[in-house]
Structure formats: structure tokens, C-alpha cells
Amino acid sequence: MGRTQRPVPPPLEGDDRLITAVITAGFLVALIVLLVVRDSLAPADRWWVWVAVVGTGLGLFGLAYVPHLKRSRARAARRRQAAREASRPAAPDHSTAASHGDQD
């Protein structure tokens, strides 16, 4: 027997700034912990400090850049929509042709 297919739900939108802030906070906590225990880390494992530094830096950059990116994408979508509307041919108006036929 065949199973009925349910329609695919639309994708969920996440709060980009919240997600970026939580991940950045995680890297910042990791950086603080790694700096506290740095002396007890083996020299071969101290590169983890730099991973936390880079993660925190990229997260801060993302917090500043994500709003700019969203505004840019919204502007581009508005321009595309305006271009589509401008290139769409106007619908013919048949009401004037019908009224001219009634005057004969």
C-alpha cells in the first residue's frame, strides 16, 4: 500500500543575531577558561587558545555584519521585485472597447 505524502513544511527562520551572539559567548567563555588554565596546558595544546580567540573575533565581526547583510539582501529583493513589475506587460483594458461597441 502506498503512503500518502504530506507537503513539505516551509523552512523555519532563525534569529541570526541571537544565534551568532550565543556562539560568540561560547567562544568567549572558552577563551576565558583556556586563559585561566593556560599554564597547566601542554605546550602542544596551547593552540586551543588561538581557536577561542579567532572564534570570538569572528563572532564579533558577525554580530556587526549580519544586520548589514540582511539590509543589503532586503534592498536587492525590493529591486528585483520592482524590475519584475516594470517588465510585466500591462493588461489590456477591454472595458473601453465594449463601451465603443455600444455607441454604434
N, C-alpha and C. Protein backbone atom coordinates (compact mmCIF):
# COMPACT_ATOMS: atom_id res chain seq x y z
N MET A 1 0.84 -1.18 0.00
CA MET A 1 0.00 0.00 0.00
C MET A 1 0.88 1.25 0.00
N GLY A 2 0.48 2.23 -0.76
CA GLY A 2 1.25 3.46 -0.83
C GLY A 2 0.92 4.40 0.32
N ARG A 3 1.92 5.07 0.76
CA ARG A 3 1.71 6.06 1.83
C ARG A 3 1.44 7.41 1.20
N THR A 4 0.54 8.16 1.80
CA THR A 4 0.26 9.50 1.28
C THR A 4 1.38 10.43 1.71
N GLN A 5 1.81 11.24 0.80
CA GLN A 5 2.89 12.18 1.07
C GLN A 5 2.32 13.47 1.67
N ARG A 6 2.87 13.87 2.78
CA ARG A 6 2.49 15.14 3.37
C ARG A 6 3.30 16.24 2.70
N PRO A 7 2.74 17.43 2.58
CA PRO A 7 3.51 18.52 1.97
C PRO A 7 4.69 18.89 2.86
N VAL A 8 5.75 19.32 2.23
CA VAL A 8 6.95 19.71 2.94
C VAL A 8 6.69 21.06 3.60
N PRO A 9 6.93 21.18 4.91
CA PRO A 9 6.70 22.48 5.56
C PRO A 9 7.77 23.49 5.15
N PRO A 10 7.43 24.77 5.22
CA PRO A 10 8.43 25.78 4.87
C PRO A 10 9.55 25.78 5.90
N PRO A 11 10.74 26.22 5.50
CA PRO A 11 11.86 26.24 6.45
C PRO A 11 11.61 27.26 7.55
N LEU A 12 12.12 26.97 8.74
CA LEU A 12 11.98 27.90 9.85
C LEU A 12 13.08 28.95 9.77
N GLU A 13 12.72 30.16 10.11
CA GLU A 13 13.70 31.24 10.15
C GLU A 13 14.24 31.36 11.57
N GLY A 14 15.54 31.44 11.69
CA GLY A 14 16.16 31.63 12.99
C GLY A 14 16.54 33.08 13.19
N ASP A 15 16.71 33.47 14.43
CA ASP A 15 17.16 34.81 14.75
C ASP A 15 18.68 34.82 14.61
N ASP A 16 19.17 35.36 13.50
CA ASP A 16 20.59 35.31 13.18
C ASP A 16 21.46 35.96 14.25
N ARG A 17 21.01 37.09 14.76
CA ARG A 17 21.82 37.79 15.76
C ARG A 17 21.89 37.01 17.06
N LEU A 18 20.78 36.40 17.45
CA LEU A 18 20.78 35.61 18.69
C LEU A 18 21.69 34.40 18.55
N ILE A 19 21.59 33.71 17.44
CA ILE A 19 22.44 32.54 17.21
C ILE A 19 23.91 32.94 17.22
N THR A 20 24.24 34.03 16.54
CA THR A 20 25.62 34.50 16.49
C THR A 20 26.11 34.92 17.88
N ALA A 21 25.24 35.58 18.65
CA ALA A 21 25.63 36.02 19.99
C ALA A 21 25.87 34.84 20.92
N VAL A 22 25.05 33.80 20.84
CA VAL A 22 25.22 32.63 21.71
C VAL A 22 26.53 31.91 21.37
N ILE A 23 26.80 31.74 20.10
CA ILE A 23 28.04 31.06 19.71
C ILE A 23 29.26 31.89 20.10
N THR A 24 29.17 33.21 19.91
CA THR A 24 30.28 34.09 20.30
C THR A 24 30.50 34.03 21.80
N ALA A 25 29.42 34.02 22.58
CA ALA A 25 29.55 33.91 24.03
C ALA A 25 30.21 32.59 24.42
N GLY A 26 29.89 31.53 23.70
CA GLY A 26 30.53 30.24 23.97
C GLY A 26 32.03 30.29 23.73
N PHE A 27 32.43 30.91 22.63
CA PHE A 27 33.87 31.06 22.36
C PHE A 27 34.54 31.95 23.40
N LEU A 28 33.82 32.99 23.84
CA LEU A 28 34.39 33.88 24.85
C LEU A 28 34.58 33.15 26.19
N VAL A 29 33.61 32.34 26.58
CA VAL A 29 33.75 31.54 27.80
C VAL A 29 34.92 30.57 27.66
N ALA A 30 35.02 29.93 26.49
CA ALA A 30 36.13 29.01 26.27
C ALA A 30 37.47 29.74 26.34
N LEU A 31 37.53 30.95 25.80
CA LEU A 31 38.76 31.74 25.85
C LEU A 31 39.14 32.06 27.30
N ILE A 32 38.17 32.47 28.10
CA ILE A 32 38.45 32.79 29.50
C ILE A 32 38.94 31.56 30.24
N VAL A 33 38.27 30.43 30.04
CA VAL A 33 38.69 29.19 30.71
C VAL A 33 40.09 28.80 30.26
N LEU A 34 40.35 28.87 28.98
CA LEU A 34 41.68 28.50 28.47
C LEU A 34 42.78 29.42 28.98
N LEU A 35 42.46 30.69 29.12
CA LEU A 35 43.47 31.61 29.66
C LEU A 35 43.74 31.35 31.14
N VAL A 36 42.71 30.92 31.87
CA VAL A 36 42.89 30.60 33.28
C VAL A 36 43.76 29.36 33.46
N VAL A 37 43.54 28.34 32.63
CA VAL A 37 44.27 27.07 32.77
C VAL A 37 45.45 26.97 31.81
N ARG A 38 45.84 28.07 31.22
CA ARG A 38 46.89 28.06 30.21
C ARG A 38 48.20 27.43 30.71
N ASP A 39 48.56 27.72 31.94
CA ASP A 39 49.84 27.19 32.45
C ASP A 39 49.81 25.68 32.65
N SER A 40 48.61 25.12 32.84
CA SER A 40 48.53 23.67 33.02
C SER A 40 48.36 22.92 31.69
N LEU A 41 48.20 23.65 30.59
CA LEU A 41 48.09 23.01 29.28
C LEU A 41 49.47 22.60 28.78
N ALA A 42 49.51 21.49 28.11
CA ALA A 42 50.75 21.07 27.47
C ALA A 42 51.08 22.05 26.35
N PRO A 43 52.33 22.32 26.11
CA PRO A 43 52.69 23.26 25.04
C PRO A 43 52.08 22.89 23.68
N ALA A 44 51.90 21.62 23.43
CA ALA A 44 51.31 21.19 22.15
C ALA A 44 49.81 21.49 22.09
N ASP A 45 49.17 21.76 23.24
CA ASP A 45 47.73 22.02 23.26
C ASP A 45 47.39 23.50 23.43
N ARG A 46 48.36 24.36 23.44
CA ARG A 46 48.08 25.79 23.66
C ARG A 46 47.48 26.46 22.44
N TRP A 47 47.46 25.79 21.32
CA TRP A 47 46.85 26.36 20.12
C TRP A 47 45.34 26.51 20.31
N TRP A 48 44.76 25.81 21.27
CA TRP A 48 43.32 25.95 21.53
C TRP A 48 42.97 27.37 21.96
N VAL A 49 43.92 28.05 22.60
CA VAL A 49 43.68 29.45 22.99
C VAL A 49 43.42 30.28 21.74
N TRP A 50 44.20 30.04 20.69
CA TRP A 50 44.02 30.81 19.45
C TRP A 50 42.72 30.45 18.73
N VAL A 51 42.28 29.23 18.88
CA VAL A 51 40.98 28.85 18.30
C VAL A 51 39.88 29.68 18.97
N ALA A 52 39.95 29.80 20.29
CA ALA A 52 38.95 30.59 21.01
C ALA A 52 39.05 32.08 20.67
N VAL A 53 40.27 32.58 20.48
CA VAL A 53 40.45 33.98 20.10
C VAL A 53 39.83 34.25 18.73
N VAL A 54 40.14 33.39 17.78
CA VAL A 54 39.62 33.57 16.42
C VAL A 54 38.10 33.41 16.40
N GLY A 55 37.57 32.42 17.14
CA GLY A 55 36.12 32.23 17.20
C GLY A 55 35.41 33.44 17.79
N THR A 56 35.99 34.01 18.84
CA THR A 56 35.41 35.21 19.44
C THR A 56 35.47 36.38 18.47
N GLY A 57 36.60 36.55 17.81
CA GLY A 57 36.75 37.65 16.85
C GLY A 57 35.79 37.53 15.68
N LEU A 58 35.68 36.34 15.13
CA LEU A 58 34.75 36.14 14.01
C LEU A 58 33.30 36.33 14.46
N GLY A 59 33.00 35.92 15.68
CA GLY A 59 31.65 36.12 16.20
C GLY A 59 31.31 37.59 16.35
N LEU A 60 32.26 38.37 16.86
CA LEU A 60 32.03 39.82 16.99
C LEU A 60 31.87 40.47 15.62
N PHE A 61 32.68 40.02 14.66
CA PHE A 61 32.53 40.52 13.29
C PHE A 61 31.14 40.17 12.75
N GLY A 62 30.71 38.93 13.01
CA GLY A 62 29.39 38.50 12.55
C GLY A 62 28.27 39.32 13.16
N LEU A 63 28.40 39.66 14.44
CA LEU A 63 27.37 40.48 15.08
C LEU A 63 27.26 41.85 14.42
N ALA A 64 28.36 42.37 13.94
CA ALA A 64 28.33 43.67 13.27
C ALA A 64 27.88 43.53 11.81
N TYR A 65 28.22 42.42 11.17
CA TYR A 65 27.99 42.28 9.73
C TYR A 65 26.61 41.73 9.37
N VAL A 66 26.04 40.87 10.20
CA VAL A 66 24.76 40.23 9.87
C VAL A 66 23.66 41.26 9.61
N PRO A 67 23.47 42.30 10.43
CA PRO A 67 22.43 43.29 10.11
C PRO A 67 22.66 43.99 8.77
N HIS A 68 23.92 44.31 8.47
CA HIS A 68 24.25 44.93 7.18
C HIS A 68 23.88 43.99 6.03
N LEU A 69 24.21 42.72 6.18
CA LEU A 69 23.92 41.73 5.15
C LEU A 69 22.40 41.58 4.94
N LYS A 70 21.64 41.55 6.02
CA LYS A 70 20.19 41.41 5.90
C LYS A 70 19.57 42.63 5.22
N ARG A 71 20.04 43.83 5.57
CA ARG A 71 19.52 45.03 4.91
C ARG A 71 19.87 45.02 3.43
N SER A 72 21.08 44.59 3.08
CA SER A 72 21.51 44.53 1.69
C SER A 72 20.65 43.54 0.90
N ARG A 73 20.38 42.38 1.49
CA ARG A 73 19.54 41.39 0.81
C ARG A 73 18.11 41.89 0.64
N ALA A 74 17.59 42.61 1.62
CA ALA A 74 16.23 43.16 1.51
C ALA A 74 16.16 44.20 0.39
N ARG A 75 17.19 45.06 0.29
CA ARG A 75 17.22 46.05 -0.79
C ARG A 75 17.27 45.37 -2.15
N ALA A 76 18.09 44.33 -2.28
CA ALA A 76 18.21 43.62 -3.55
C ALA A 76 16.89 42.95 -3.92
N ALA A 77 16.19 42.40 -2.93
CA ALA A 77 14.89 41.77 -3.20
C ALA A 77 13.88 42.81 -3.67
N ARG A 78 13.90 43.99 -3.05
CA ARG A 78 12.97 45.06 -3.49
C ARG A 78 13.29 45.50 -4.91
N ARG A 79 14.60 45.60 -5.25
CA ARG A 79 14.96 45.99 -6.62
C ARG A 79 14.52 44.94 -7.63
N ARG A 80 14.71 43.65 -7.29
CA ARG A 80 14.27 42.58 -8.20
C ARG A 80 12.76 42.62 -8.39
N GLN A 81 12.02 42.85 -7.31
CA GLN A 81 10.56 42.90 -7.40
C GLN A 81 10.13 44.08 -8.26
N ALA A 82 10.76 45.23 -8.09
CA ALA A 82 10.42 46.40 -8.89
C ALA A 82 10.75 46.16 -10.36
N ALA A 83 11.86 45.50 -10.65
CA ALA A 83 12.23 45.20 -12.03
C ALA A 83 11.23 44.24 -12.66
N ARG A 84 10.78 43.24 -11.89
CA ARG A 84 9.77 42.31 -12.42
C ARG A 84 8.48 43.03 -12.73
N GLU A 85 8.06 43.92 -11.84
CA GLU A 85 6.81 44.65 -12.06
C GLU A 85 6.93 45.60 -13.24
N ALA A 86 8.10 46.20 -13.44
CA ALA A 86 8.29 47.13 -14.55
C ALA A 86 8.34 46.39 -15.89
N SER A 87 8.85 45.16 -15.89
CA SER A 87 8.95 44.43 -17.15
C SER A 87 7.68 43.66 -17.50
N ARG A 88 6.75 43.57 -16.57
CA ARG A 88 5.49 42.87 -16.82
C ARG A 88 4.63 43.72 -17.74
N PRO A 89 4.13 43.15 -18.86
CA PRO A 89 3.30 43.95 -19.77
C PRO A 89 1.97 44.31 -19.10
N ALA A 90 1.50 45.48 -19.44
CA ALA A 90 0.23 45.95 -18.87
C ALA A 90 -0.91 45.13 -19.46
N ALA A 91 -1.89 44.82 -18.64
CA ALA A 91 -3.06 44.06 -19.10
C ALA A 91 -3.92 44.98 -19.96
N PRO A 92 -4.41 44.46 -21.11
CA PRO A 92 -5.25 45.30 -21.96
C PRO A 92 -6.57 45.61 -21.25
N ASP A 93 -7.05 46.83 -21.46
CA ASP A 93 -8.30 47.26 -20.84
C ASP A 93 -9.43 47.05 -21.84
N HIS A 94 -10.26 46.05 -21.63
CA HIS A 94 -11.35 45.71 -22.55
C HIS A 94 -12.60 46.51 -22.27
N SER A 95 -12.66 47.24 -21.21
CA SER A 95 -13.88 47.97 -20.87
C SER A 95 -14.14 49.10 -21.86
N THR A 96 -13.10 49.76 -22.38
CA THR A 96 -13.31 50.84 -23.34
C THR A 96 -13.77 50.29 -24.68
N ALA A 97 -13.28 49.11 -25.09
CA ALA A 97 -13.72 48.53 -26.37
C ALA A 97 -15.18 48.15 -26.29
N ALA A 98 -15.67 47.67 -25.19
CA ALA A 98 -17.06 47.29 -25.05
C ALA A 98 -17.94 48.53 -25.08
N SER A 99 -17.50 49.63 -24.49
CA SER A 99 -18.33 50.83 -24.48
C SER A 99 -18.38 51.47 -25.86
N HIS A 100 -17.33 51.32 -26.68
CA HIS A 100 -17.36 51.87 -28.05
C HIS A 100 -18.33 51.07 -28.90
N GLY A 101 -18.44 49.80 -28.67
CA GLY A 101 -19.35 48.97 -29.45
C GLY A 101 -20.81 49.30 -29.12
N ASP A 102 -21.09 49.78 -27.94
CA ASP A 102 -22.46 50.13 -27.56
C ASP A 102 -22.91 51.43 -28.20
N GLN A 103 -21.99 52.26 -28.66
CA GLN A 103 -22.36 53.57 -29.21
C GLN A 103 -22.78 53.46 -30.65
N ASP A 104 -22.58 52.37 -31.33
CA ASP A 104 -22.94 52.24 -32.75
C ASP A 104 -24.40 52.28 -32.98
